[in-house]
Amino acid sequence: MQIGISTGVCFPFLKGKLQQVKLLSEFREMVDGLEIIFPRPLDLVNFNPKGRARALAKQFGFVTIHYPFPKHVRLSALPEKRLLAKLGAIDRELPIKHVVLHPGSAKSWKPFKESGLVFLLENQRYGKNRRWRTPISMKALLDETGFGMCLDLNHAMGWGIKPEKFLLLGKRIRQVHVNATEAFGSESHRFVSESSPKAAGLAKNALSGLKHAVWMIEAKSPVSPRRKIEREIAFLESI
């Protein structure tokens, strides 16, 4: 497997993208890749693909991008065409392995398919996108779009679904958001290594069958996550 770290681990500890990437660059020799999350469309268009963050990100073996969240896309006046163009600009400077997006991020998948980028759809837990929460519903969406999948362990657990149930999708799952939640209806995005034995066991069962995928650490920490990241990497390497 390949292990990566998402800038999501820095929320809400650090807000600036450069500061997030700089902190995570400390782990570049311990992991393979980096995921840069852009929650809002404006975060994406304001990112400088030729700046300091690019130089730090290029120290990783690969980079993935998380597309803006549906609720922010709906509220934004920025056209989808501009967002896809910005992804293309980033890809030219910092080759993108995957772009992860939520199923409700677009009205039509055609422009995404025509972009030439590799998109992965993420299973959901809440809001209008809750219909994409089960392995069967995600399989139908992957069949429709031809995209791959990013399995979010936390989202599955939040619906009371054992993440290992998604193993039926096999190698269509190309990335895993490694995180955990403790109870049905919750979305705590905990570090798996700090969660309950039950949650850690559920995560481990799924990851054991997904060693072909990228394991992207995407927990959240209100304080400096350095020690938490080290423990999480050690946990993943033990699987």
C-alpha atoms as a PDB file:
ATOM      1  CA  MET A   1       0.000   0.000   0.000  1.00  0.00           C
ATOM      2  CA  GLN A   2       0.885   3.679  -0.221  1.00  0.00           C
ATOM      3  CA  ILE A   3       0.325   5.979   2.729  1.00  0.00           C
ATOM      4  CA  GLY A   4      -0.474   9.680   2.415  1.00  0.00           C
ATOM      5  CA  ILE A   5      -1.438  12.611   4.630  1.00  0.00           C
ATOM      6  CA  SER A   6      -4.264  15.041   3.951  1.00  0.00           C
ATOM      7  CA  THR A   7      -4.226  18.730   4.835  1.00  0.00           C
ATOM      8  CA  GLY A   8      -7.513  17.863   6.531  1.00  0.00           C
ATOM      9  CA  VAL A   9      -5.514  16.805   9.595  1.00  0.00           C
ATOM     10  CA  CYS A  10      -4.619  20.461  10.125  1.00  0.00           C
ATOM     11  CA  PHE A  11      -8.238  21.672  10.492  1.00  0.00           C
ATOM     12  CA  PRO A  12      -8.877  23.770  12.485  1.00  0.00           C
ATOM     13  CA  PHE A  13      -5.320  24.021  13.791  1.00  0.00           C
ATOM     14  CA  LEU A  14      -4.042  25.810  10.687  1.00  0.00           C
ATOM     15  CA  LYS A  15      -6.077  27.735   8.103  1.00  0.00           C
ATOM     16  CA  GLY A  16      -3.531  28.738   5.453  1.00  0.00           C
ATOM     17  CA  LYS A  17      -2.749  26.221   2.717  1.00  0.00           C
ATOM     18  CA  LEU A  18       0.959  27.053   2.751  1.00  0.00           C
ATOM     19  CA  GLN A  19       1.125  26.546   6.516  1.00  0.00           C
ATOM     20  CA  GLN A  20      -0.698  23.213   6.236  1.00  0.00           C
ATOM     21  CA  VAL A  21       1.580  21.874   3.507  1.00  0.00           C
ATOM     22  CA  LYS A  22       4.657  23.134   5.332  1.00  0.00           C
ATOM     23  CA  LEU A  23       3.712  21.239   8.496  1.00  0.00           C
ATOM     24  CA  LEU A  24       2.954  18.031   6.607  1.00  0.00           C
ATOM     25  CA  SER A  25       6.214  18.273   4.647  1.00  0.00           C
ATOM     26  CA  GLU A  26       7.929  17.271   7.894  1.00  0.00           C
ATOM     27  CA  PHE A  27       6.603  13.743   7.226  1.00  0.00           C
ATOM     28  CA  ARG A  28       7.620  13.488   3.569  1.00  0.00           C
ATOM     29  CA  GLU A  29      10.194  10.775   4.328  1.00  0.00           C
ATOM     30  CA  MET A  30       7.653   8.712   6.287  1.00  0.00           C
ATOM     31  CA  VAL A  31       4.826   8.683   3.751  1.00  0.00           C
ATOM     32  CA  ASP A  32       4.313   8.503   0.002  1.00  0.00           C
ATOM     33  CA  GLY A  33       1.796  11.203  -0.817  1.00  0.00           C
ATOM     34  CA  LEU A  34      -0.087  14.367   0.091  1.00  0.00           C
ATOM     35  CA  GLU A  35      -3.738  15.316  -0.321  1.00  0.00           C
ATOM     36  CA  ILE A  36      -4.566  19.023  -0.533  1.00  0.00           C
ATOM     37  CA  ILE A  37      -8.162  19.819   0.416  1.00  0.00           C
ATOM     38  CA  PHE A  38      -9.908  22.896  -0.978  1.00  0.00           C
ATOM     39  CA  PRO A  39     -13.202  23.147   0.977  1.00  0.00           C
ATOM     40  CA  ARG A  40     -14.436  26.238  -0.892  1.00  0.00           C
ATOM     41  CA  PRO A  41     -14.169  27.133  -4.601  1.00  0.00           C
ATOM     42  CA  LEU A  42     -12.318  30.316  -3.657  1.00  0.00           C
ATOM     43  CA  ASP A  43      -9.692  28.234  -1.819  1.00  0.00           C
ATOM     44  CA  LEU A  44      -9.020  26.374  -5.049  1.00  0.00           C
ATOM     45  CA  VAL A  45      -8.820  29.358  -7.413  1.00  0.00           C
ATOM     46  CA  ASN A  46      -6.597  31.291  -4.992  1.00  0.00           C
ATOM     47  CA  PHE A  47      -4.041  28.489  -4.716  1.00  0.00           C
ATOM     48  CA  ASN A  48      -0.746  29.394  -6.385  1.00  0.00           C
ATOM     49  CA  PRO A  49       0.548  26.276  -8.180  1.00  0.00           C
ATOM     50  CA  LYS A  50       3.915  27.965  -8.732  1.00  0.00           C
ATOM     51  CA  GLY A  51       4.424  29.172  -5.189  1.00  0.00           C
ATOM     52  CA  ARG A  52       6.139  27.889  -2.052  1.00  0.00           C
ATOM     53  CA  ALA A  53       3.410  25.331  -1.382  1.00  0.00           C
ATOM     54  CA  ARG A  54       4.197  23.737  -4.755  1.00  0.00           C
ATOM     55  CA  ALA A  55       7.871  23.372  -3.904  1.00  0.00           C
ATOM     56  CA  LEU A  56       6.996  21.691  -0.612  1.00  0.00           C
ATOM     57  CA  ALA A  57       4.337  19.451  -2.181  1.00  0.00           C
ATOM     58  CA  LYS A  58       6.727  18.267  -4.884  1.00  0.00           C
ATOM     59  CA  GLN A  59       8.830  16.640  -2.171  1.00  0.00           C
ATOM     60  CA  PHE A  60       6.126  13.985  -1.855  1.00  0.00           C
ATOM     61  CA  GLY A  61       5.902  11.037  -4.215  1.00  0.00           C
ATOM     62  CA  PHE A  62       2.470  12.103  -5.448  1.00  0.00           C
ATOM     63  CA  VAL A  63      -0.284  14.636  -4.790  1.00  0.00           C
ATOM     64  CA  THR A  64      -4.053  14.243  -4.766  1.00  0.00           C
ATOM     65  CA  ILE A  65      -6.596  17.062  -4.671  1.00  0.00           C
ATOM     66  CA  HIS A  66      -9.933  17.212  -2.851  1.00  0.00           C
ATOM     67  CA  TYR A  67     -12.440  19.219  -4.911  1.00  0.00           C
ATOM     68  CA  PRO A  68     -14.559  21.871  -3.089  1.00  0.00           C
ATOM     69  CA  PHE A  69     -17.495  20.593  -1.034  1.00  0.00           C
ATOM     70  CA  PRO A  70     -20.975  20.600  -2.654  1.00  0.00           C
ATOM     71  CA  LYS A  71     -22.548  23.077  -0.209  1.00  0.00           C
ATOM     72  CA  HIS A  72     -19.838  25.632  -0.987  1.00  0.00           C
ATOM     73  CA  VAL A  73     -20.002  24.939  -4.730  1.00  0.00           C
ATOM     74  CA  ARG A  74     -23.752  25.647  -4.710  1.00  0.00           C
ATOM     75  CA  LEU A  75     -23.268  28.958  -2.883  1.00  0.00           C
ATOM     76  CA  SER A  76     -20.340  30.125  -5.005  1.00  0.00           C
ATOM     77  CA  ALA A  77     -20.626  32.430  -7.994  1.00  0.00           C
ATOM     78  CA  LEU A  78     -17.485  30.914  -9.504  1.00  0.00           C
ATOM     79  CA  PRO A  79     -18.286  28.888 -12.641  1.00  0.00           C
ATOM     80  CA  GLU A  80     -17.462  25.190 -12.742  1.00  0.00           C
ATOM     81  CA  LYS A  81     -15.434  25.796 -15.896  1.00  0.00           C
ATOM     82  CA  ARG A  82     -13.064  28.020 -13.920  1.00  0.00           C
ATOM     83  CA  LEU A  83     -12.642  25.410 -11.184  1.00  0.00           C
ATOM     84  CA  LEU A  84     -11.785  22.699 -13.702  1.00  0.00           C
ATOM     85  CA  ALA A  85      -9.381  25.072 -15.464  1.00  0.00           C
ATOM     86  CA  LYS A  86      -7.621  25.679 -12.148  1.00  0.00           C
ATOM     87  CA  LEU A  87      -7.286  21.938 -11.595  1.00  0.00           C
ATOM     88  CA  GLY A  88      -5.658  21.741 -15.007  1.00  0.00           C
ATOM     89  CA  ALA A  89      -3.251  24.547 -14.098  1.00  0.00           C
ATOM     90  CA  ILE A  90      -2.279  22.755 -10.888  1.00  0.00           C
ATOM     91  CA  ASP A  91      -1.829  19.495 -12.762  1.00  0.00           C
ATOM     92  CA  ARG A  92       0.634  21.120 -15.163  1.00  0.00           C
ATOM     93  CA  GLU A  93       2.810  22.311 -12.279  1.00  0.00           C
ATOM     94  CA  LEU A  94       2.161  19.559  -9.757  1.00  0.00           C
ATOM     95  CA  PRO A  95       0.934  16.376 -11.482  1.00  0.00           C
ATOM     96  CA  ILE A  96      -2.259  15.200  -9.798  1.00  0.00           C
ATOM     97  CA  LYS A  97      -2.681  11.485  -9.079  1.00  0.00           C
ATOM     98  CA  HIS A  98      -6.379  11.682  -8.113  1.00  0.00           C
ATOM     99  CA  VAL A  99      -9.065  14.305  -7.627  1.00  0.00           C
ATOM    100  CA  VAL A 100     -11.526  13.306  -4.902  1.00  0.00           C
ATOM    101  CA  LEU A 101     -14.998  14.810  -5.079  1.00  0.00           C
ATOM    102  CA  HIS A 102     -18.362  14.352  -3.402  1.00  0.00           C
ATOM    103  CA  PRO A 103     -21.155  13.017  -5.634  1.00  0.00           C
ATOM    104  CA  GLY A 104     -23.187  16.223  -5.302  1.00  0.00           C
ATOM    105  CA  SER A 105     -20.392  18.444  -6.579  1.00  0.00           C
ATOM    106  CA  ALA A 106     -21.637  18.615 -10.177  1.00  0.00           C
ATOM    107  CA  LYS A 107     -24.873  18.723 -12.154  1.00  0.00           C
ATOM    108  CA  SER A 108     -23.229  16.985 -15.102  1.00  0.00           C
ATOM    109  CA  TRP A 109     -20.211  14.695 -15.152  1.00  0.00           C
ATOM    110  CA  LYS A 110     -19.376  15.457 -18.799  1.00  0.00           C
ATOM    111  CA  PRO A 111     -16.958  18.388 -18.174  1.00  0.00           C
ATOM    112  CA  PHE A 112     -15.164  16.328 -15.533  1.00  0.00           C
ATOM    113  CA  LYS A 113     -14.724  13.397 -17.896  1.00  0.00           C
ATOM    114  CA  GLU A 114     -13.424  15.724 -20.617  1.00  0.00           C
ATOM    115  CA  SER A 115     -10.804  17.246 -18.294  1.00  0.00           C
ATOM    116  CA  GLY A 116      -8.496  14.235 -18.581  1.00  0.00           C
ATOM    117  CA  LEU A 117      -8.003  14.057 -14.807  1.00  0.00           C
ATOM    118  CA  VAL A 118      -8.609  10.975 -12.670  1.00  0.00           C
ATOM    119  CA  PHE A 119     -11.663  11.520 -10.454  1.00  0.00           C
ATOM    120  CA  LEU A 120     -12.658   9.468  -7.427  1.00  0.00           C
ATOM    121  CA  LEU A 121     -16.137   9.704  -5.924  1.00  0.00           C
ATOM    122  CA  GLU A 122     -16.436   9.567  -2.145  1.00  0.00           C
ATOM    123  CA  ASN A 123     -19.172   7.739  -0.234  1.00  0.00           C
ATOM    124  CA  GLN A 124     -21.347  10.116   1.766  1.00  0.00           C
ATOM    125  CA  ARG A 125     -23.109  10.180   5.095  1.00  0.00           C
ATOM    126  CA  TYR A 126     -25.183  13.326   5.502  1.00  0.00           C
ATOM    127  CA  GLY A 127     -27.405  15.875   3.815  1.00  0.00           C
ATOM    128  CA  LYS A 128     -28.797  15.618   0.303  1.00  0.00           C
ATOM    129  CA  ASN A 129     -25.947  13.296  -0.684  1.00  0.00           C
ATOM    130  CA  ARG A 130     -26.891  10.593   1.819  1.00  0.00           C
ATOM    131  CA  ARG A 131     -28.219   8.392  -0.976  1.00  0.00           C
ATOM    132  CA  TRP A 132     -24.580   7.639  -1.878  1.00  0.00           C
ATOM    133  CA  ARG A 133     -23.805   5.940   1.393  1.00  0.00           C
ATOM    134  CA  THR A 134     -24.016   2.213   0.632  1.00  0.00           C
ATOM    135  CA  PRO A 135     -21.808  -0.093  -1.453  1.00  0.00           C
ATOM    136  CA  ILE A 136     -24.700  -0.778  -3.846  1.00  0.00           C
ATOM    137  CA  SER A 137     -25.549   2.886  -4.421  1.00  0.00           C
ATOM    138  CA  MET A 138     -21.881   3.736  -4.922  1.00  0.00           C
ATOM    139  CA  LYS A 139     -21.473   0.879  -7.400  1.00  0.00           C
ATOM    140  CA  ALA A 140     -24.359   2.281  -9.451  1.00  0.00           C
ATOM    141  CA  LEU A 141     -22.750   5.740  -9.436  1.00  0.00           C
ATOM    142  CA  LEU A 142     -19.353   4.367 -10.450  1.00  0.00           C
ATOM    143  CA  ASP A 143     -21.002   2.415 -13.276  1.00  0.00           C
ATOM    144  CA  GLU A 144     -22.749   5.584 -14.429  1.00  0.00           C
ATOM    145  CA  THR A 145     -19.680   7.836 -14.370  1.00  0.00           C
ATOM    146  CA  GLY A 146     -16.805   5.461 -15.032  1.00  0.00           C
ATOM    147  CA  PHE A 147     -14.919   7.082 -12.139  1.00  0.00           C
ATOM    148  CA  GLY A 148     -13.081   5.323  -9.340  1.00  0.00           C
ATOM    149  CA  MET A 149     -13.901   5.597  -5.654  1.00  0.00           C
ATOM    150  CA  CYS A 150     -12.468   7.055  -2.469  1.00  0.00           C
ATOM    151  CA  LEU A 151     -13.754   5.113   0.538  1.00  0.00           C
ATOM    152  CA  ASP A 152     -14.192   7.306   3.612  1.00  0.00           C
ATOM    153  CA  LEU A 153     -14.130   4.997   6.651  1.00  0.00           C
ATOM    154  CA  ASN A 154     -15.687   7.637   8.906  1.00  0.00           C
ATOM    155  CA  HIS A 155     -18.658   8.176   6.577  1.00  0.00           C
ATOM    156  CA  ALA A 156     -19.353   4.447   6.396  1.00  0.00           C
ATOM    157  CA  MET A 157     -19.166   3.977  10.174  1.00  0.00           C
ATOM    158  CA  GLY A 158     -21.427   7.003  10.690  1.00  0.00           C
ATOM    159  CA  TRP A 159     -24.185   5.129   8.867  1.00  0.00           C
ATOM    160  CA  GLY A 160     -23.522   1.965  10.832  1.00  0.00           C
ATOM    161  CA  ILE A 161     -22.017   0.293   7.758  1.00  0.00           C
ATOM    162  CA  LYS A 162     -18.939  -1.850   8.221  1.00  0.00           C
ATOM    163  CA  PRO A 163     -16.354  -0.366   5.820  1.00  0.00           C
ATOM    164  CA  GLU A 164     -15.322  -3.866   4.749  1.00  0.00           C
ATOM    165  CA  LYS A 165     -18.719  -4.154   3.000  1.00  0.00           C
ATOM    166  CA  PHE A 166     -17.279  -1.878   0.310  1.00  0.00           C
ATOM    167  CA  LEU A 167     -14.647  -4.486  -0.564  1.00  0.00           C
ATOM    168  CA  LEU A 168     -17.065  -5.840  -3.158  1.00  0.00           C
ATOM    169  CA  LEU A 169     -16.007  -2.837  -5.283  1.00  0.00           C
ATOM    170  CA  GLY A 170     -12.460  -4.211  -5.369  1.00  0.00           C
ATOM    171  CA  LYS A 171      -9.852  -2.172  -7.218  1.00  0.00           C
ATOM    172  CA  ARG A 172     -12.369   0.484  -8.145  1.00  0.00           C
ATOM    173  CA  ILE A 173     -11.514   1.817  -4.683  1.00  0.00           C
ATOM    174  CA  ARG A 174      -8.276   3.656  -5.375  1.00  0.00           C
ATOM    175  CA  GLN A 175      -7.993   5.778  -2.245  1.00  0.00           C
ATOM    176  CA  VAL A 176      -9.159   5.446   1.358  1.00  0.00           C
ATOM    177  CA  HIS A 177      -9.745   8.341   3.736  1.00  0.00           C
ATOM    178  CA  VAL A 178      -8.368   6.852   6.929  1.00  0.00           C
ATOM    179  CA  ASN A 179     -10.400   8.159   9.857  1.00  0.00           C
ATOM    180  CA  ALA A 180     -12.963   6.812  12.305  1.00  0.00           C
ATOM    181  CA  THR A 181     -16.139   7.681  14.141  1.00  0.00           C
ATOM    182  CA  GLU A 182     -17.403   6.187  17.373  1.00  0.00           C
ATOM    183  CA  ALA A 183     -21.168   6.007  16.976  1.00  0.00           C
ATOM    184  CA  PHE A 184     -24.022   5.848  14.500  1.00  0.00           C
ATOM    185  CA  GLY A 185     -25.004   9.300  13.284  1.00  0.00           C
ATOM    186  CA  SER A 186     -21.694  10.879  14.206  1.00  0.00           C
ATOM    187  CA  GLU A 187     -18.874  12.214  12.054  1.00  0.00           C
ATOM    188  CA  SER A 188     -15.952  12.748  14.376  1.00  0.00           C
ATOM    189  CA  HIS A 189     -13.086  12.171  11.911  1.00  0.00           C
ATOM    190  CA  ARG A 190     -10.914  10.721  14.663  1.00  0.00           C
ATOM    191  CA  PHE A 191      -7.461   9.295  14.162  1.00  0.00           C
ATOM    192  CA  VAL A 192      -8.017   5.537  13.933  1.00  0.00           C
ATOM    193  CA  SER A 193      -5.133   4.831  16.311  1.00  0.00           C
ATOM    194  CA  GLU A 194      -6.883   6.978  18.958  1.00  0.00           C
ATOM    195  CA  SER A 195     -10.374   5.582  18.463  1.00  0.00           C
ATOM    196  CA  SER A 196     -12.086   2.722  20.269  1.00  0.00           C
ATOM    197  CA  PRO A 197     -10.914  -0.875  19.735  1.00  0.00           C
ATOM    198  CA  LYS A 198     -14.165  -1.519  17.857  1.00  0.00           C
ATOM    199  CA  ALA A 199     -13.678   1.380  15.429  1.00  0.00           C
ATOM    200  CA  ALA A 200      -9.990   0.549  14.951  1.00  0.00           C
ATOM    201  CA  GLY A 201     -10.938  -3.060  14.235  1.00  0.00           C
ATOM    202  CA  LEU A 202     -13.496  -2.023  11.614  1.00  0.00           C
ATOM    203  CA  ALA A 203     -10.914   0.195   9.921  1.00  0.00           C
ATOM    204  CA  LYS A 204      -8.262  -2.513   9.999  1.00  0.00           C
ATOM    205  CA  ASN A 205     -10.595  -5.114   8.465  1.00  0.00           C
ATOM    206  CA  ALA A 206     -11.314  -2.829   5.515  1.00  0.00           C
ATOM    207  CA  LEU A 207      -7.734  -1.676   5.010  1.00  0.00           C
ATOM    208  CA  SER A 208      -6.467  -5.257   5.040  1.00  0.00           C
ATOM    209  CA  GLY A 209      -8.452  -5.835   1.856  1.00  0.00           C
ATOM    210  CA  LEU A 210      -7.428  -2.562   0.213  1.00  0.00           C
ATOM    211  CA  LYS A 211      -3.654  -2.756   0.117  1.00  0.00           C
ATOM    212  CA  HIS A 212      -3.734  -1.805  -3.566  1.00  0.00           C
ATOM    213  CA  ALA A 213      -5.190   1.617  -2.653  1.00  0.00           C
ATOM    214  CA  VAL A 214      -3.716   4.828  -1.275  1.00  0.00           C
ATOM    215  CA  TRP A 215      -4.328   5.072   2.480  1.00  0.00           C
ATOM    216  CA  MET A 216      -4.792   8.796   3.066  1.00  0.00           C
ATOM    217  CA  ILE A 217      -4.788   9.924   6.701  1.00  0.00           C
ATOM    218  CA  GLU A 218      -7.718  12.359   6.889  1.00  0.00           C
ATOM    219  CA  ALA A 219      -8.548  12.756  10.557  1.00  0.00           C
ATOM    220  CA  LYS A 220      -8.988  16.186  12.158  1.00  0.00           C
ATOM    221  CA  SER A 221      -7.084  17.698  15.047  1.00  0.00           C
ATOM    222  CA  PRO A 222      -7.853  20.902  16.975  1.00  0.00           C
ATOM    223  CA  VAL A 223      -4.211  21.058  18.117  1.00  0.00           C
ATOM    224  CA  SER A 224      -0.855  20.343  16.505  1.00  0.00           C
ATOM    225  CA  PRO A 225      -1.229  16.881  14.929  1.00  0.00           C
ATOM    226  CA  ARG A 226       2.452  15.912  14.777  1.00  0.00           C
ATOM    227  CA  ARG A 227       2.411  13.164  17.419  1.00  0.00           C
ATOM    228  CA  LYS A 228      -0.997  11.958  16.279  1.00  0.00           C
ATOM    229  CA  ILE A 229       0.294  11.577  12.716  1.00  0.00           C
ATOM    230  CA  GLU A 230       3.310   9.602  13.878  1.00  0.00           C
ATOM    231  CA  ARG A 231       1.069   7.194  15.797  1.00  0.00           C
ATOM    232  CA  GLU A 232      -1.310   6.859  12.859  1.00  0.00           C
ATOM    233  CA  ILE A 233       1.511   6.039  10.442  1.00  0.00           C
ATOM    234  CA  ALA A 234       2.809   3.404  12.853  1.00  0.00           C
ATOM    235  CA  PHE A 235      -0.694   1.906  13.123  1.00  0.00           C
ATOM    236  CA  LEU A 236      -1.057   1.695   9.344  1.00  0.00           C
ATOM    237  CA  GLU A 237       2.369   0.166   8.891  1.00  0.00           C
ATOM    238  CA  SER A 238       1.381  -2.554  11.357  1.00  0.00           C
ATOM    239  CA  ILE A 239      -1.488  -3.791   9.166  1.00  0.00           C
END
